Amino acid sequence: MHFTLYSRGYCHLCHDMLDALLRLQTPQRPFTVEVIDIDEAGDPALLAKYDELVPVLFADLSQPELCHYFLDEAKVLQLL
């Protein structure tokens, strides 16, 4: 399983969500996480879309977001 987390370097909620997500990882539930800082991505459309919503977590970028602001552990665990 691979997750994508849209984030910002100065966002404490972003750091909290990443920490909470990583706590769910076990040898029986392996996954990877790509953290994309929307300020450093160089994509104005990405910044405009997620500016006030970060952190935003996706399991599949072609699907709706799993959660934003706070980790929805139940949704993540369903996928794992």
PDB file of N, CA and C in Angstrom:
ATOM      1  N   MET A   1       0.845  -1.170   0.000  1.00  0.00           N
ATOM      2  CA  MET A   1       0.000   0.000   0.000  1.00  0.00           C
ATOM      3  C   MET A   1       0.892   1.235   0.000  1.00  0.00           C
ATOM      4  N   HIS A   2       0.477   2.235  -0.748  1.00  0.00           N
ATOM      5  CA  HIS A   2       1.219   3.496  -0.823  1.00  0.00           C
ATOM      6  C   HIS A   2       0.254   4.644  -0.560  1.00  0.00           C
ATOM      7  N   PHE A   3       0.658   5.538   0.318  1.00  0.00           N
ATOM      8  CA  PHE A   3      -0.128   6.725   0.631  1.00  0.00           C
ATOM      9  C   PHE A   3       0.605   7.961   0.137  1.00  0.00           C
ATOM     10  N   THR A   4      -0.173   8.978  -0.207  1.00  0.00           N
ATOM     11  CA  THR A   4       0.373  10.290  -0.542  1.00  0.00           C
ATOM     12  C   THR A   4      -0.214  11.293   0.433  1.00  0.00           C
ATOM     13  N   LEU A   5       0.659  12.053   1.063  1.00  0.00           N
ATOM     14  CA  LEU A   5       0.241  13.066   2.032  1.00  0.00           C
ATOM     15  C   LEU A   5       0.655  14.431   1.513  1.00  0.00           C
ATOM     16  N   TYR A   6      -0.333  15.275   1.222  1.00  0.00           N
ATOM     17  CA  TYR A   6      -0.043  16.667   0.881  1.00  0.00           C
ATOM     18  C   TYR A   6       0.125  17.421   2.182  1.00  0.00           C
ATOM     19  N   SER A   7       1.200  18.170   2.264  1.00  0.00           N
ATOM     20  CA  SER A   7       1.630  18.720   3.538  1.00  0.00           C
ATOM     21  C   SER A   7       2.267  20.089   3.336  1.00  0.00           C
ATOM     22  N   ARG A   8       2.675  20.676   4.456  1.00  0.00           N
ATOM     23  CA  ARG A   8       3.473  21.907   4.470  1.00  0.00           C
ATOM     24  C   ARG A   8       4.498  21.761   5.571  1.00  0.00           C
ATOM     25  N   GLY A   9       5.669  22.330   5.371  1.00  0.00           N
ATOM     26  CA  GLY A   9       6.740  22.203   6.343  1.00  0.00           C
ATOM     27  C   GLY A   9       6.416  22.796   7.699  1.00  0.00           C
ATOM     28  N   TYR A  10       5.646  23.868   7.730  1.00  0.00           N
ATOM     29  CA  TYR A  10       5.344  24.566   8.983  1.00  0.00           C
ATOM     30  C   TYR A  10       4.012  24.150   9.609  1.00  0.00           C
ATOM     31  N   CYS A  11       3.375  23.144   9.064  1.00  0.00           N
ATOM     32  CA  CYS A  11       2.022  22.748   9.478  1.00  0.00           C
ATOM     33  C   CYS A  11       2.080  21.677  10.565  1.00  0.00           C
ATOM     34  N   HIS A  12       1.699  22.036  11.790  1.00  0.00           N
ATOM     35  CA  HIS A  12       1.746  21.049  12.871  1.00  0.00           C
ATOM     36  C   HIS A  12       0.721  19.943  12.677  1.00  0.00           C
ATOM     37  N   LEU A  13      -0.426  20.236  12.075  1.00  0.00           N
ATOM     38  CA  LEU A  13      -1.401  19.178  11.800  1.00  0.00           C
ATOM     39  C   LEU A  13      -0.836  18.176  10.795  1.00  0.00           C
ATOM     40  N   CYS A  14      -0.033  18.662   9.869  1.00  0.00           N
ATOM     41  CA  CYS A  14       0.598  17.784   8.882  1.00  0.00           C
ATOM     42  C   CYS A  14       1.564  16.817   9.558  1.00  0.00           C
ATOM     43  N   HIS A  15       2.369  17.352  10.458  1.00  0.00           N
ATOM     44  CA  HIS A  15       3.308  16.502  11.198  1.00  0.00           C
ATOM     45  C   HIS A  15       2.549  15.504  12.074  1.00  0.00           C
ATOM     46  N   ASP A  16       1.458  15.967  12.689  1.00  0.00           N
ATOM     47  CA  ASP A  16       0.649  15.080  13.533  1.00  0.00           C
ATOM     48  C   ASP A  16       0.043  13.941  12.721  1.00  0.00           C
ATOM     49  N   MET A  17      -0.471  14.268  11.518  1.00  0.00           N
ATOM     50  CA  MET A  17      -1.079  13.223  10.694  1.00  0.00           C
ATOM     51  C   MET A  17      -0.034  12.202  10.258  1.00  0.00           C
ATOM     52  N   LEU A  18       1.126  12.664   9.852  1.00  0.00           N
ATOM     53  CA  LEU A  18       2.179  11.733   9.442  1.00  0.00           C
ATOM     54  C   LEU A  18       2.589  10.841  10.607  1.00  0.00           C
ATOM     55  N   ASP A  19       2.766  11.409  11.776  1.00  0.00           N
ATOM     56  CA  ASP A  19       3.127  10.611  12.956  1.00  0.00           C
ATOM     57  C   ASP A  19       2.057   9.570  13.267  1.00  0.00           C
ATOM     58  N   ALA A  20       0.784   9.979  13.220  1.00  0.00           N
ATOM     59  CA  ALA A  20      -0.319   9.055  13.507  1.00  0.00           C
ATOM     60  C   ALA A  20      -0.374   7.940  12.467  1.00  0.00           C
ATOM     61  N   LEU A  21      -0.149   8.286  11.207  1.00  0.00           N
ATOM     62  CA  LEU A  21      -0.148   7.283  10.143  1.00  0.00           C
ATOM     63  C   LEU A  21       0.983   6.283  10.346  1.00  0.00           C
ATOM     64  N   LEU A  22       2.164   6.776  10.627  1.00  0.00           N
ATOM     65  CA  LEU A  22       3.316   5.884  10.799  1.00  0.00           C
ATOM     66  C   LEU A  22       3.163   4.973  12.011  1.00  0.00           C
ATOM     67  N   ARG A  23       2.421   5.404  13.015  1.00  0.00           N
ATOM     68  CA  ARG A  23       2.169   4.538  14.182  1.00  0.00           C
ATOM     69  C   ARG A  23       1.320   3.320  13.821  1.00  0.00           C
ATOM     70  N   LEU A  24       0.577   3.404  12.719  1.00  0.00           N
ATOM     71  CA  LEU A  24      -0.260   2.275  12.289  1.00  0.00           C
ATOM     72  C   LEU A  24       0.542   1.212  11.541  1.00  0.00           C
ATOM     73  N   GLN A  25       1.744   1.554  11.162  1.00  0.00           N
ATOM     74  CA  GLN A  25       2.567   0.628  10.378  1.00  0.00           C
ATOM     75  C   GLN A  25       3.161  -0.456  11.270  1.00  0.00           C
ATOM     76  N   THR A  26       3.005  -1.692  10.827  1.00  0.00           N
ATOM     77  CA  THR A  26       3.575  -2.851  11.511  1.00  0.00           C
ATOM     78  C   THR A  26       4.136  -3.785  10.444  1.00  0.00           C
ATOM     79  N   PRO A  27       4.898  -4.797  10.844  1.00  0.00           N
ATOM     80  CA  PRO A  27       5.359  -5.771   9.843  1.00  0.00           C
ATOM     81  C   PRO A  27       4.193  -6.444   9.107  1.00  0.00           C
ATOM     82  N   GLN A  28       3.064  -6.590   9.776  1.00  0.00           N
ATOM     83  CA  GLN A  28       1.886  -7.196   9.145  1.00  0.00           C
ATOM     84  C   GLN A  28       1.107  -6.187   8.293  1.00  0.00           C
ATOM     85  N   ARG A  29       1.350  -4.893   8.510  1.00  0.00           N
ATOM     86  CA  ARG A  29       0.657  -3.836   7.757  1.00  0.00           C
ATOM     87  C   ARG A  29       1.693  -2.870   7.172  1.00  0.00           C
ATOM     88  N   PRO A  30       2.495  -3.337   6.231  1.00  0.00           N
ATOM     89  CA  PRO A  30       3.515  -2.449   5.656  1.00  0.00           C
ATOM     90  C   PRO A  30       2.892  -1.459   4.667  1.00  0.00           C
ATOM     91  N   PHE A  31       3.472  -0.305   4.592  1.00  0.00           N
ATOM     92  CA  PHE A  31       3.073   0.675   3.592  1.00  0.00           C
ATOM     93  C   PHE A  31       4.181   1.707   3.428  1.00  0.00           C
ATOM     94  N   THR A  32       4.061   2.478   2.357  1.00  0.00           N
ATOM     95  CA  THR A  32       4.976   3.587   2.121  1.00  0.00           C
ATOM     96  C   THR A  32       4.166   4.877   2.113  1.00  0.00           C
ATOM     97  N   VAL A  33       4.857   5.968   2.381  1.00  0.00           N
ATOM     98  CA  VAL A  33       4.213   7.283   2.388  1.00  0.00           C
ATOM     99  C   VAL A  33       5.093   8.255   1.612  1.00  0.00           C
ATOM    100  N   GLU A  34       4.495   8.915   0.658  1.00  0.00           N
ATOM    101  CA  GLU A  34       5.169  10.008  -0.040  1.00  0.00           C
ATOM    102  C   GLU A  34       4.594  11.310   0.499  1.00  0.00           C
ATOM    103  N   VAL A  35       5.426  12.143   1.063  1.00  0.00           N
ATOM    104  CA  VAL A  35       5.000  13.438   1.585  1.00  0.00           C
ATOM    105  C   VAL A  35       5.354  14.497   0.552  1.00  0.00           C
ATOM    106  N   ILE A  36       4.340  15.222   0.107  1.00  0.00           N
ATOM    107  CA  ILE A  36       4.541  16.280  -0.878  1.00  0.00           C
ATOM    108  C   ILE A  36       4.233  17.616  -0.221  1.00  0.00           C
ATOM    109  N   ASP A  37       5.256  18.449  -0.114  1.00  0.00           N
ATOM    110  CA  ASP A  37       5.093  19.796   0.430  1.00  0.00           C
ATOM    111  C   ASP A  37       4.514  20.660  -0.685  1.00  0.00           C
ATOM    112  N   ILE A  38       3.281  21.118  -0.517  1.00  0.00           N
ATOM    113  CA  ILE A  38       2.615  21.849  -1.597  1.00  0.00           C
ATOM    114  C   ILE A  38       3.275  23.193  -1.882  1.00  0.00           C
ATOM    115  N   ASP A  39       4.025  23.728  -0.931  1.00  0.00           N
ATOM    116  CA  ASP A  39       4.728  24.991  -1.162  1.00  0.00           C
ATOM    117  C   ASP A  39       5.988  24.790  -1.997  1.00  0.00           C
ATOM    118  N   GLU A  40       6.573  23.617  -1.924  1.00  0.00           N
ATOM    119  CA  GLU A  40       7.820  23.337  -2.635  1.00  0.00           C
ATOM    120  C   GLU A  40       7.613  22.547  -3.923  1.00  0.00           C
ATOM    121  N   ALA A  41       6.386  22.099  -4.176  1.00  0.00           N
ATOM    122  CA  ALA A  41       6.117  21.245  -5.341  1.00  0.00           C
ATOM    123  C   ALA A  41       6.221  22.008  -6.663  1.00  0.00           C
ATOM    124  N   GLY A  42       6.079  23.322  -6.622  1.00  0.00           N
ATOM    125  CA  GLY A  42       6.163  24.104  -7.849  1.00  0.00           C
ATOM    126  C   GLY A  42       4.955  23.963  -8.750  1.00  0.00           C
ATOM    127  N   ASP A  43       3.816  23.583  -8.167  1.00  0.00           N
ATOM    128  CA  ASP A  43       2.594  23.377  -8.937  1.00  0.00           C
ATOM    129  C   ASP A  43       1.519  24.328  -8.414  1.00  0.00           C
ATOM    130  N   PRO A  44       1.260  25.438  -9.115  1.00  0.00           N
ATOM    131  CA  PRO A  44       0.263  26.404  -8.643  1.00  0.00           C
ATOM    132  C   PRO A  44      -1.135  25.804  -8.483  1.00  0.00           C
ATOM    133  N   ALA A  45      -1.499  24.849  -9.340  1.00  0.00           N
ATOM    134  CA  ALA A  45      -2.820  24.222  -9.237  1.00  0.00           C
ATOM    135  C   ALA A  45      -2.931  23.404  -7.955  1.00  0.00           C
ATOM    136  N   LEU A  46      -1.874  22.703  -7.608  1.00  0.00           N
ATOM    137  CA  LEU A  46      -1.843  21.915  -6.370  1.00  0.00           C
ATOM    138  C   LEU A  46      -1.955  22.832  -5.160  1.00  0.00           C
ATOM    139  N   LEU A  47      -1.227  23.909  -5.176  1.00  0.00           N
ATOM    140  CA  LEU A  47      -1.268  24.876  -4.081  1.00  0.00           C
ATOM    141  C   LEU A  47      -2.656  25.494  -3.957  1.00  0.00           C
ATOM    142  N   ALA A  48      -3.255  25.862  -5.066  1.00  0.00           N
ATOM    143  CA  ALA A  48      -4.590  26.460  -5.035  1.00  0.00           C
ATOM    144  C   ALA A  48      -5.637  25.476  -4.519  1.00  0.00           C
ATOM    145  N   LYS A  49      -5.516  24.229  -4.916  1.00  0.00           N
ATOM    146  CA  LYS A  49      -6.518  23.226  -4.535  1.00  0.00           C
ATOM    147  C   LYS A  49      -6.436  22.834  -3.063  1.00  0.00           C
ATOM    148  N   TYR A  50      -5.233  22.701  -2.517  1.00  0.00           N
ATOM    149  CA  TYR A  50      -5.069  22.170  -1.164  1.00  0.00           C
ATOM    150  C   TYR A  50      -4.556  23.189  -0.149  1.00  0.00           C
ATOM    151  N   ASP A  51      -4.479  24.445  -0.539  1.00  0.00           N
ATOM    152  CA  ASP A  51      -3.911  25.501   0.291  1.00  0.00           C
ATOM    153  C   ASP A  51      -4.405  25.479   1.739  1.00  0.00           C
ATOM    154  N   GLU A  52      -5.693  25.491   1.936  1.00  0.00           N
ATOM    155  CA  GLU A  52      -6.267  25.545   3.288  1.00  0.00           C
ATOM    156  C   GLU A  52      -6.689  24.174   3.810  1.00  0.00           C
ATOM    157  N   LEU A  53      -6.486  23.127   3.041  1.00  0.00           N
ATOM    158  CA  LEU A  53      -6.959  21.793   3.434  1.00  0.00           C
ATOM    159  C   LEU A  53      -5.887  20.900   4.039  1.00  0.00           C
ATOM    160  N   VAL A  54      -4.612  21.251   3.874  1.00  0.00           N
ATOM    161  CA  VAL A  54      -3.558  20.352   4.347  1.00  0.00           C
ATOM    162  C   VAL A  54      -3.644  20.153   5.852  1.00  0.00           C
ATOM    163  N   PRO A  55      -3.305  18.980   6.305  1.00  0.00           N
ATOM    164  CA  PRO A  55      -2.848  17.824   5.554  1.00  0.00           C
ATOM    165  C   PRO A  55      -4.000  17.093   4.862  1.00  0.00           C
ATOM    166  N   VAL A  56      -3.697  16.533   3.705  1.00  0.00           N
ATOM    167  CA  VAL A  56      -4.673  15.747   2.948  1.00  0.00           C
ATOM    168  C   VAL A  56      -4.010  14.420   2.603  1.00  0.00           C
ATOM    169  N   LEU A  57      -4.698  13.321   2.930  1.00  0.00           N
ATOM    170  CA  LEU A  57      -4.142  11.985   2.715  1.00  0.00           C
ATOM    171  C   LEU A  57      -4.917  11.244   1.636  1.00  0.00           C
ATOM    172  N   PHE A  58      -4.156  10.637   0.724  1.00  0.00           N
ATOM    173  CA  PHE A  58      -4.720   9.817  -0.350  1.00  0.00           C
ATOM    174  C   PHE A  58      -4.079   8.441  -0.326  1.00  0.00           C
ATOM    175  N   ALA A  59      -4.869   7.424  -0.673  1.00  0.00           N
ATOM    176  CA  ALA A  59      -4.322   6.095  -0.923  1.00  0.00           C
ATOM    177  C   ALA A  59      -4.134   5.915  -2.421  1.00  0.00           C
ATOM    178  N   ASP A  60      -4.925   6.631  -3.202  1.00  0.00           N
ATOM    179  CA  ASP A  60      -4.867   6.573  -4.657  1.00  0.00           C
ATOM    180  C   ASP A  60      -5.246   7.963  -5.150  1.00  0.00           C
ATOM    181  N   LEU A  61      -4.354   8.604  -5.856  1.00  0.00           N
ATOM    182  CA  LEU A  61      -4.610   9.981  -6.278  1.00  0.00           C
ATOM    183  C   LEU A  61      -5.759  10.102  -7.270  1.00  0.00           C
ATOM    184  N   SER A  62      -6.188   8.994  -7.861  1.00  0.00           N
ATOM    185  CA  SER A  62      -7.332   9.041  -8.773  1.00  0.00           C
ATOM    186  C   SER A  62      -8.657   8.875  -8.029  1.00  0.00           C
ATOM    187  N   GLN A  63      -8.584   8.658  -6.726  1.00  0.00           N
ATOM    188  CA  GLN A  63      -9.771   8.476  -5.885  1.00  0.00           C
ATOM    189  C   GLN A  63      -9.912   9.668  -4.937  1.00  0.00           C
ATOM    190  N   PRO A  64     -11.089   9.831  -4.325  1.00  0.00           N
ATOM    191  CA  PRO A  64     -11.248  10.916  -3.348  1.00  0.00           C
ATOM    192  C   PRO A  64     -10.273  10.756  -2.182  1.00  0.00           C
ATOM    193  N   GLU A  65     -10.012  11.858  -1.523  1.00  0.00           N
ATOM    194  CA  GLU A  65      -9.115  11.840  -0.366  1.00  0.00           C
ATOM    195  C   GLU A  65      -9.638  10.910   0.719  1.00  0.00           C
ATOM    196  N   LEU A  66      -8.733  10.359   1.503  1.00  0.00           N
ATOM    197  CA  LEU A  66      -9.127   9.553   2.662  1.00  0.00           C
ATOM    198  C   LEU A  66      -9.535  10.447   3.817  1.00  0.00           C
ATOM    199  N   CYS A  67      -8.780  11.522   4.020  1.00  0.00           N
ATOM    200  CA  CYS A  67      -9.068  12.432   5.123  1.00  0.00           C
ATOM    201  C   CYS A  67      -8.228  13.695   4.977  1.00  0.00           C
ATOM    202  N   HIS A  68      -8.649  14.726   5.694  1.00  0.00           N
ATOM    203  CA  HIS A  68      -7.811  15.916   5.795  1.00  0.00           C
ATOM    204  C   HIS A  68      -7.944  16.483   7.205  1.00  0.00           C
ATOM    205  N   TYR A  69      -6.978  17.260   7.594  1.00  0.00           N
ATOM    206  CA  TYR A  69      -6.799  17.828   8.941  1.00  0.00           C
ATOM    207  C   TYR A  69      -6.383  16.778   9.963  1.00  0.00           C
ATOM    208  N   PHE A  70      -7.170  15.699  10.094  1.00  0.00           N
ATOM    209  CA  PHE A  70      -6.880  14.663  11.092  1.00  0.00           C
ATOM    210  C   PHE A  70      -6.970  13.285  10.438  1.00  0.00           C
ATOM    211  N   LEU A  71      -6.135  12.371  10.881  1.00  0.00           N
ATOM    212  CA  LEU A  71      -6.123  11.022  10.325  1.00  0.00           C
ATOM    213  C   LEU A  71      -7.399  10.277  10.686  1.00  0.00           C
ATOM    214  N   ASP A  72      -8.015   9.673   9.684  1.00  0.00           N
ATOM    215  CA  ASP A  72      -9.159   8.791   9.910  1.00  0.00           C
ATOM    216  C   ASP A  72      -8.597   7.371   9.982  1.00  0.00           C
ATOM    217  N   GLU A  73      -8.259   6.952  11.194  1.00  0.00           N
ATOM    218  CA  GLU A  73      -7.615   5.646  11.379  1.00  0.00           C
ATOM    219  C   GLU A  73      -8.467   4.510  10.848  1.00  0.00           C
ATOM    220  N   ALA A  74      -9.771   4.590  11.025  1.00  0.00           N
ATOM    221  CA  ALA A  74     -10.654   3.515  10.570  1.00  0.00           C
ATOM    222  C   ALA A  74     -10.547   3.326   9.056  1.00  0.00           C
ATOM    223  N   LYS A  75     -10.538   4.419   8.301  1.00  0.00           N
ATOM    224  CA  LYS A  75     -10.420   4.318   6.841  1.00  0.00           C
ATOM    225  C   LYS A  75      -9.074   3.731   6.437  1.00  0.00           C
ATOM    226  N   VAL A  76      -8.022   4.182   7.097  1.00  0.00           N
ATOM    227  CA  VAL A  76      -6.684   3.679   6.771  1.00  0.00           C
ATOM    228  C   VAL A  76      -6.587   2.196   7.096  1.00  0.00           C
ATOM    229  N   LEU A  77      -7.053   1.810   8.260  1.00  0.00           N
ATOM    230  CA  LEU A  77      -6.975   0.402   8.660  1.00  0.00           C
ATOM    231  C   LEU A  77      -7.798  -0.494   7.745  1.00  0.00           C
ATOM    232  N   GLN A  78      -8.912   0.011   7.220  1.00  0.00           N
ATOM    233  CA  GLN A  78      -9.707  -0.763   6.259  1.00  0.00           C
ATOM    234  C   GLN A  78      -8.884  -1.098   5.020  1.00  0.00           C
ATOM    235  N   LEU A  79      -8.062  -0.160   4.600  1.00  0.00           N
ATOM    236  CA  LEU A  79      -7.243  -0.368   3.404  1.00  0.00           C
ATOM    237  C   LEU A  79      -6.061  -1.289   3.653  1.00  0.00           C
ATOM    238  N   LEU A  80      -5.582  -1.285   4.881  1.00  0.00           N
ATOM    239  CA  LEU A  80      -4.414  -2.098   5.199  1.00  0.00           C
ATOM    240  C   LEU A  80      -4.827  -3.530   5.473  1.00  0.00           C
TER     241      LEU A  80
END
